[in-house]
N, C-alpha and C. Protein backbone atom coordinates (compact mmCIF):
# COMPACT_ATOMS: atom_id res chain seq x y z
N MET A 1 39.01 16.55 -17.97
CA MET A 1 38.58 15.68 -16.90
C MET A 1 37.24 16.13 -16.33
N ASN A 2 37.06 17.45 -16.13
CA ASN A 2 35.80 17.95 -15.58
C ASN A 2 34.64 17.66 -16.52
N LEU A 3 34.88 17.75 -17.85
CA LEU A 3 33.83 17.45 -18.81
C LEU A 3 33.43 15.98 -18.74
N LYS A 4 34.40 15.11 -18.50
CA LYS A 4 34.12 13.69 -18.40
C LYS A 4 33.26 13.42 -17.16
N ILE A 5 33.59 14.02 -16.02
CA ILE A 5 32.81 13.85 -14.79
C ILE A 5 31.41 14.42 -14.98
N LEU A 6 31.33 15.59 -15.63
CA LEU A 6 30.03 16.20 -15.88
C LEU A 6 29.19 15.31 -16.78
N GLY A 7 29.80 14.71 -17.77
CA GLY A 7 29.08 13.81 -18.68
C GLY A 7 28.56 12.59 -17.96
N ILE A 8 29.38 12.00 -17.09
CA ILE A 8 28.96 10.83 -16.32
C ILE A 8 27.82 11.20 -15.37
N ALA A 9 27.96 12.34 -14.71
CA ALA A 9 26.91 12.81 -13.79
C ALA A 9 25.61 13.06 -14.55
N SER A 10 25.71 13.64 -15.74
CA SER A 10 24.52 13.91 -16.55
C SER A 10 23.83 12.62 -16.96
N LEU A 11 24.62 11.62 -17.34
CA LEU A 11 24.03 10.33 -17.70
C LEU A 11 23.33 9.69 -16.50
N GLY A 12 23.95 9.80 -15.34
CA GLY A 12 23.33 9.25 -14.12
C GLY A 12 22.02 9.94 -13.81
N LEU A 13 21.99 11.26 -13.91
CA LEU A 13 20.78 12.02 -13.66
C LEU A 13 19.71 11.68 -14.69
N TRP A 14 20.10 11.57 -15.94
CA TRP A 14 19.16 11.23 -17.00
C TRP A 14 18.54 9.85 -16.75
N SER A 15 19.35 8.88 -16.30
CA SER A 15 18.81 7.54 -16.06
C SER A 15 17.82 7.55 -14.90
N LEU A 16 18.04 8.40 -13.90
CA LEU A 16 17.09 8.51 -12.80
C LEU A 16 15.77 9.09 -13.26
N MET A 17 15.84 10.01 -14.20
CA MET A 17 14.63 10.66 -14.70
C MET A 17 13.84 9.72 -15.61
N GLN A 18 14.44 8.65 -16.08
CA GLN A 18 13.78 7.72 -16.98
C GLN A 18 13.14 6.56 -16.24
N ALA A 19 12.84 6.72 -14.96
CA ALA A 19 12.20 5.65 -14.19
C ALA A 19 10.86 5.30 -14.82
N PRO A 20 10.52 4.02 -14.79
CA PRO A 20 9.24 3.62 -15.38
C PRO A 20 8.08 4.34 -14.70
N LEU A 21 7.03 4.59 -15.46
CA LEU A 21 5.85 5.26 -14.94
C LEU A 21 5.24 4.49 -13.78
N SER A 22 5.30 3.16 -13.83
CA SER A 22 4.69 2.36 -12.77
C SER A 22 5.34 2.64 -11.42
N VAL A 23 6.63 2.94 -11.40
CA VAL A 23 7.30 3.26 -10.15
C VAL A 23 6.76 4.58 -9.60
N ALA A 24 6.57 5.56 -10.48
CA ALA A 24 6.03 6.84 -10.04
C ALA A 24 4.60 6.68 -9.53
N GLU A 25 3.79 5.91 -10.25
CA GLU A 25 2.42 5.68 -9.82
C GLU A 25 2.39 4.90 -8.52
N ASN A 26 3.31 3.97 -8.37
CA ASN A 26 3.33 3.13 -7.19
C ASN A 26 3.70 3.91 -5.94
N ALA A 27 4.34 5.06 -6.08
CA ALA A 27 4.61 5.91 -4.92
C ALA A 27 3.29 6.30 -4.27
N ASN A 28 2.27 6.52 -5.06
CA ASN A 28 0.94 6.83 -4.54
C ASN A 28 0.42 5.64 -3.72
N GLY A 29 0.53 4.44 -4.26
CA GLY A 29 0.08 3.24 -3.55
C GLY A 29 0.83 3.04 -2.24
N LYS A 30 2.12 3.25 -2.28
CA LYS A 30 2.93 3.10 -1.06
C LYS A 30 2.52 4.13 -0.01
N ASN A 31 2.37 5.38 -0.44
CA ASN A 31 1.97 6.42 0.51
C ASN A 31 0.60 6.14 1.11
N LEU A 32 -0.35 5.73 0.29
CA LEU A 32 -1.68 5.40 0.79
C LEU A 32 -1.61 4.27 1.80
N TYR A 33 -0.85 3.24 1.45
CA TYR A 33 -0.74 2.08 2.34
C TYR A 33 -0.11 2.48 3.68
N LEU A 34 1.02 3.17 3.62
CA LEU A 34 1.72 3.53 4.85
C LEU A 34 0.90 4.48 5.73
N GLN A 35 0.15 5.39 5.10
CA GLN A 35 -0.63 6.36 5.86
C GLN A 35 -1.96 5.80 6.37
N ARG A 36 -2.54 4.82 5.65
CA ARG A 36 -3.91 4.41 5.96
C ARG A 36 -4.05 2.95 6.35
N CYS A 37 -3.06 2.11 6.10
CA CYS A 37 -3.23 0.67 6.31
C CYS A 37 -2.19 0.06 7.26
N ALA A 38 -0.97 0.61 7.22
CA ALA A 38 0.14 -0.01 7.95
C ALA A 38 -0.05 -0.04 9.46
N MET A 39 -0.85 0.86 10.00
CA MET A 39 -1.04 0.87 11.46
C MET A 39 -1.65 -0.43 11.95
N CYS A 40 -2.41 -1.10 11.10
CA CYS A 40 -2.98 -2.40 11.46
C CYS A 40 -2.23 -3.54 10.76
N HIS A 41 -2.01 -3.39 9.46
CA HIS A 41 -1.42 -4.48 8.69
C HIS A 41 0.09 -4.54 8.76
N GLY A 42 0.74 -3.48 9.23
CA GLY A 42 2.20 -3.46 9.32
C GLY A 42 2.84 -3.16 7.99
N ALA A 43 4.06 -2.68 8.02
CA ALA A 43 4.78 -2.37 6.79
C ALA A 43 4.99 -3.61 5.94
N ASP A 44 5.02 -4.78 6.58
CA ASP A 44 5.24 -6.04 5.86
C ASP A 44 3.94 -6.69 5.37
N ILE A 45 2.79 -6.09 5.66
CA ILE A 45 1.46 -6.55 5.25
C ILE A 45 1.09 -7.88 5.92
N LYS A 46 1.77 -8.24 6.98
CA LYS A 46 1.53 -9.53 7.64
C LYS A 46 0.68 -9.42 8.90
N GLY A 47 0.00 -8.28 9.09
CA GLY A 47 -0.82 -8.12 10.28
C GLY A 47 0.00 -7.85 11.52
N THR A 48 1.07 -7.08 11.35
CA THR A 48 2.00 -6.83 12.46
C THR A 48 2.01 -5.38 12.92
N GLY A 49 1.02 -4.60 12.48
CA GLY A 49 0.97 -3.19 12.86
C GLY A 49 0.63 -3.00 14.33
N LEU A 50 0.78 -1.77 14.80
CA LEU A 50 0.54 -1.46 16.21
C LEU A 50 -0.88 -1.78 16.66
N LEU A 51 -1.85 -1.70 15.76
CA LEU A 51 -3.24 -1.98 16.13
C LEU A 51 -3.71 -3.38 15.70
N ALA A 52 -2.80 -4.21 15.23
CA ALA A 52 -3.17 -5.51 14.67
C ALA A 52 -3.98 -6.37 15.63
N HIS A 53 -3.62 -6.39 16.88
CA HIS A 53 -4.31 -7.26 17.84
C HIS A 53 -5.34 -6.50 18.66
N LYS A 54 -5.60 -5.28 18.27
CA LYS A 54 -6.61 -4.49 18.98
C LYS A 54 -7.94 -4.50 18.26
N SER A 55 -7.99 -5.11 17.09
CA SER A 55 -9.27 -5.24 16.39
C SER A 55 -9.83 -6.63 16.67
N ASN A 56 -11.12 -6.76 16.51
CA ASN A 56 -11.76 -8.05 16.74
C ASN A 56 -12.62 -8.36 15.52
N PRO A 57 -12.20 -9.28 14.67
CA PRO A 57 -11.07 -10.19 14.81
C PRO A 57 -9.74 -9.48 14.56
N PRO A 58 -8.63 -10.09 15.01
CA PRO A 58 -7.32 -9.49 14.78
C PRO A 58 -7.03 -9.30 13.29
N THR A 59 -6.20 -8.35 12.98
CA THR A 59 -5.83 -8.04 11.60
C THR A 59 -5.17 -9.26 10.95
N PRO A 60 -5.63 -9.66 9.77
CA PRO A 60 -5.06 -10.85 9.12
C PRO A 60 -3.73 -10.59 8.42
N ASP A 61 -2.99 -11.66 8.22
CA ASP A 61 -1.77 -11.66 7.42
C ASP A 61 -2.21 -11.67 5.96
N LEU A 62 -1.89 -10.62 5.23
CA LEU A 62 -2.31 -10.52 3.83
C LEU A 62 -1.31 -11.13 2.86
N THR A 63 -0.25 -11.75 3.37
CA THR A 63 0.73 -12.36 2.48
C THR A 63 0.43 -13.84 2.25
N THR A 64 -0.69 -14.33 2.76
CA THR A 64 -1.04 -15.73 2.57
C THR A 64 -1.32 -16.02 1.11
N THR A 65 -1.19 -17.26 0.72
CA THR A 65 -1.45 -17.67 -0.65
C THR A 65 -2.88 -17.36 -1.06
N ALA A 66 -3.83 -17.59 -0.16
CA ALA A 66 -5.25 -17.34 -0.47
C ALA A 66 -5.49 -15.86 -0.77
N PHE A 67 -4.93 -14.97 0.06
CA PHE A 67 -5.16 -13.54 -0.19
C PHE A 67 -4.44 -13.10 -1.46
N LYS A 68 -3.24 -13.60 -1.67
CA LYS A 68 -2.48 -13.24 -2.88
C LYS A 68 -3.29 -13.62 -4.13
N LYS A 69 -3.91 -14.79 -4.11
CA LYS A 69 -4.72 -15.23 -5.25
C LYS A 69 -5.92 -14.30 -5.44
N ARG A 70 -6.60 -13.94 -4.36
CA ARG A 70 -7.75 -13.03 -4.46
C ARG A 70 -7.32 -11.68 -5.02
N LEU A 71 -6.18 -11.19 -4.58
CA LEU A 71 -5.67 -9.89 -5.04
C LEU A 71 -5.37 -9.94 -6.54
N ASN A 72 -4.80 -11.07 -6.99
CA ASN A 72 -4.50 -11.23 -8.42
C ASN A 72 -5.76 -11.45 -9.25
N ASP A 73 -6.70 -12.25 -8.73
CA ASP A 73 -7.92 -12.56 -9.48
C ASP A 73 -8.87 -11.38 -9.59
N TYR A 74 -8.90 -10.54 -8.56
CA TYR A 74 -9.83 -9.41 -8.51
C TYR A 74 -9.09 -8.12 -8.17
N PRO A 75 -8.19 -7.67 -9.06
CA PRO A 75 -7.37 -6.50 -8.74
C PRO A 75 -8.20 -5.27 -8.39
N GLY A 76 -7.90 -4.70 -7.27
CA GLY A 76 -8.58 -3.49 -6.83
C GLY A 76 -9.91 -3.73 -6.16
N VAL A 77 -10.58 -4.83 -6.51
CA VAL A 77 -11.90 -5.10 -5.94
C VAL A 77 -11.77 -5.43 -4.46
N ILE A 78 -10.81 -6.26 -4.11
CA ILE A 78 -10.62 -6.64 -2.71
C ILE A 78 -10.29 -5.40 -1.89
N VAL A 79 -9.35 -4.62 -2.36
CA VAL A 79 -8.93 -3.42 -1.63
C VAL A 79 -10.11 -2.46 -1.48
N SER A 80 -10.82 -2.18 -2.56
CA SER A 80 -11.92 -1.23 -2.48
C SER A 80 -13.08 -1.76 -1.64
N SER A 81 -13.34 -3.05 -1.68
CA SER A 81 -14.46 -3.58 -0.90
C SER A 81 -14.17 -3.52 0.59
N VAL A 82 -12.93 -3.66 0.98
CA VAL A 82 -12.57 -3.55 2.40
C VAL A 82 -12.67 -2.10 2.84
N ILE A 83 -12.15 -1.20 2.05
CA ILE A 83 -12.12 0.21 2.43
C ILE A 83 -13.52 0.83 2.42
N LEU A 84 -14.32 0.48 1.43
CA LEU A 84 -15.60 1.14 1.24
C LEU A 84 -16.81 0.33 1.70
N ARG A 85 -16.59 -0.81 2.33
CA ARG A 85 -17.74 -1.66 2.67
C ARG A 85 -18.77 -0.88 3.48
N PRO A 86 -20.00 -0.85 3.01
CA PRO A 86 -21.02 -0.03 3.66
C PRO A 86 -21.58 -0.66 4.93
N ASN A 87 -21.48 -1.98 5.08
CA ASN A 87 -22.10 -2.63 6.22
C ASN A 87 -21.13 -2.94 7.35
N GLY A 88 -19.87 -2.56 7.23
CA GLY A 88 -18.90 -2.89 8.26
C GLY A 88 -18.35 -1.67 8.95
N ASP A 89 -18.09 -1.81 10.22
CA ASP A 89 -17.56 -0.70 10.99
C ASP A 89 -16.24 -1.08 11.65
N LEU A 90 -15.68 -2.22 11.28
CA LEU A 90 -14.48 -2.72 11.95
C LEU A 90 -13.33 -1.73 11.91
N ILE A 91 -13.00 -1.24 10.74
CA ILE A 91 -11.85 -0.34 10.61
C ILE A 91 -12.09 0.98 11.35
N PRO A 92 -13.20 1.68 11.09
CA PRO A 92 -13.41 2.94 11.84
C PRO A 92 -13.52 2.72 13.34
N ARG A 93 -14.17 1.63 13.75
CA ARG A 93 -14.34 1.37 15.18
C ARG A 93 -12.98 1.11 15.83
N THR A 94 -12.14 0.31 15.19
CA THR A 94 -10.81 0.01 15.74
C THR A 94 -9.99 1.29 15.88
N LEU A 95 -10.05 2.13 14.86
CA LEU A 95 -9.31 3.39 14.91
C LEU A 95 -9.86 4.29 16.01
N ARG A 96 -11.16 4.41 16.06
CA ARG A 96 -11.82 5.26 17.06
C ARG A 96 -11.50 4.79 18.48
N GLU A 97 -11.62 3.50 18.72
CA GLU A 97 -11.37 2.94 20.06
C GLU A 97 -9.92 3.12 20.51
N ASN A 98 -9.02 3.31 19.55
CA ASN A 98 -7.60 3.46 19.89
C ASN A 98 -7.10 4.89 19.69
N GLY A 99 -8.02 5.82 19.53
CA GLY A 99 -7.67 7.23 19.44
C GLY A 99 -6.90 7.63 18.19
N VAL A 100 -7.05 6.85 17.13
CA VAL A 100 -6.35 7.16 15.87
C VAL A 100 -7.30 7.91 14.96
N LYS A 101 -6.86 9.08 14.52
CA LYS A 101 -7.68 9.89 13.61
C LYS A 101 -6.98 9.99 12.26
N ILE A 102 -7.71 9.61 11.26
CA ILE A 102 -7.21 9.69 9.89
C ILE A 102 -8.18 10.56 9.11
N ALA A 103 -7.64 11.55 8.43
CA ALA A 103 -8.49 12.43 7.64
C ALA A 103 -9.19 11.64 6.54
N PRO A 104 -10.41 11.99 6.21
CA PRO A 104 -11.11 11.32 5.10
C PRO A 104 -10.28 11.44 3.82
N HIS A 105 -10.44 10.48 2.95
CA HIS A 105 -9.71 10.49 1.69
C HIS A 105 -10.70 10.29 0.54
N PRO A 106 -10.66 11.14 -0.48
CA PRO A 106 -11.56 10.97 -1.63
C PRO A 106 -11.00 9.90 -2.58
N TRP A 107 -11.26 8.64 -2.28
CA TRP A 107 -10.69 7.54 -3.05
C TRP A 107 -11.06 7.63 -4.52
N SER A 108 -10.07 7.36 -5.35
CA SER A 108 -10.29 7.31 -6.80
C SER A 108 -9.96 5.91 -7.29
N VAL A 109 -10.37 5.61 -8.50
CA VAL A 109 -10.03 4.32 -9.10
C VAL A 109 -8.52 4.17 -9.16
N LYS A 110 -7.83 5.25 -9.49
CA LYS A 110 -6.37 5.22 -9.56
C LYS A 110 -5.78 4.87 -8.20
N ASP A 111 -6.34 5.43 -7.12
CA ASP A 111 -5.85 5.11 -5.78
C ASP A 111 -5.97 3.62 -5.50
N PHE A 112 -7.13 3.04 -5.83
CA PHE A 112 -7.33 1.61 -5.60
C PHE A 112 -6.35 0.78 -6.41
N ARG A 113 -6.14 1.17 -7.65
CA ARG A 113 -5.20 0.43 -8.50
C ARG A 113 -3.78 0.55 -7.98
N ASP A 114 -3.39 1.76 -7.59
CA ASP A 114 -2.03 1.96 -7.06
C ASP A 114 -1.83 1.19 -5.76
N LEU A 115 -2.82 1.21 -4.89
CA LEU A 115 -2.72 0.49 -3.63
C LEU A 115 -2.65 -1.01 -3.88
N ASN A 116 -3.46 -1.50 -4.80
CA ASN A 116 -3.44 -2.91 -5.17
C ASN A 116 -2.07 -3.31 -5.71
N GLN A 117 -1.52 -2.47 -6.58
CA GLN A 117 -0.21 -2.75 -7.17
C GLN A 117 0.86 -2.77 -6.09
N TYR A 118 0.85 -1.80 -5.20
CA TYR A 118 1.84 -1.74 -4.14
C TYR A 118 1.75 -2.98 -3.24
N MET A 119 0.54 -3.32 -2.83
CA MET A 119 0.37 -4.48 -1.97
C MET A 119 0.81 -5.75 -2.68
N SER A 120 0.48 -5.89 -3.95
CA SER A 120 0.90 -7.07 -4.72
C SER A 120 2.41 -7.19 -4.78
N GLU A 121 3.10 -6.06 -4.96
CA GLU A 121 4.56 -6.07 -5.00
C GLU A 121 5.16 -6.46 -3.65
N VAL A 122 4.62 -5.93 -2.57
CA VAL A 122 5.13 -6.28 -1.24
C VAL A 122 4.89 -7.74 -0.96
N ILE A 123 3.70 -8.22 -1.29
CA ILE A 123 3.37 -9.65 -1.06
C ILE A 123 4.30 -10.53 -1.88
N ALA A 124 4.55 -10.17 -3.13
CA ALA A 124 5.44 -10.97 -3.98
C ALA A 124 6.85 -11.05 -3.40
N ARG A 125 7.32 -9.96 -2.81
CA ARG A 125 8.66 -9.95 -2.21
C ARG A 125 8.71 -10.74 -0.91
N SER A 126 7.56 -10.92 -0.25
CA SER A 126 7.55 -11.57 1.05
C SER A 126 7.57 -13.08 0.95
N ARG A 127 7.31 -13.62 -0.19
CA ARG A 127 7.24 -15.08 -0.35
C ARG A 127 8.52 -15.63 -0.90
């Protein structure tokens, strides 16, 4: 009986270890989003974060059909252009005005792809 339980437990553990690579990579996207974006965009990506109405203009709902299409048509480009835009100060100013300090992050292409993938998955589940 103990061998049977051990065998079942081993199979369960083995199946957990066989998670698709995209799930492991997407943990990076989720962490980046929750640490760097959710304070304004909310966990649901609908512009419901604590700072959503403290920016001018207010934080948009990213689950709209128009944004979903842009995210699909230009994967990673939308995310990176918002984060790295050289001519805009909206995000840093909103954070600064509300006393929120976020450590700088050395963004990589992989980070943008993971963040794009995570956001796409959340948006798909919200519709």
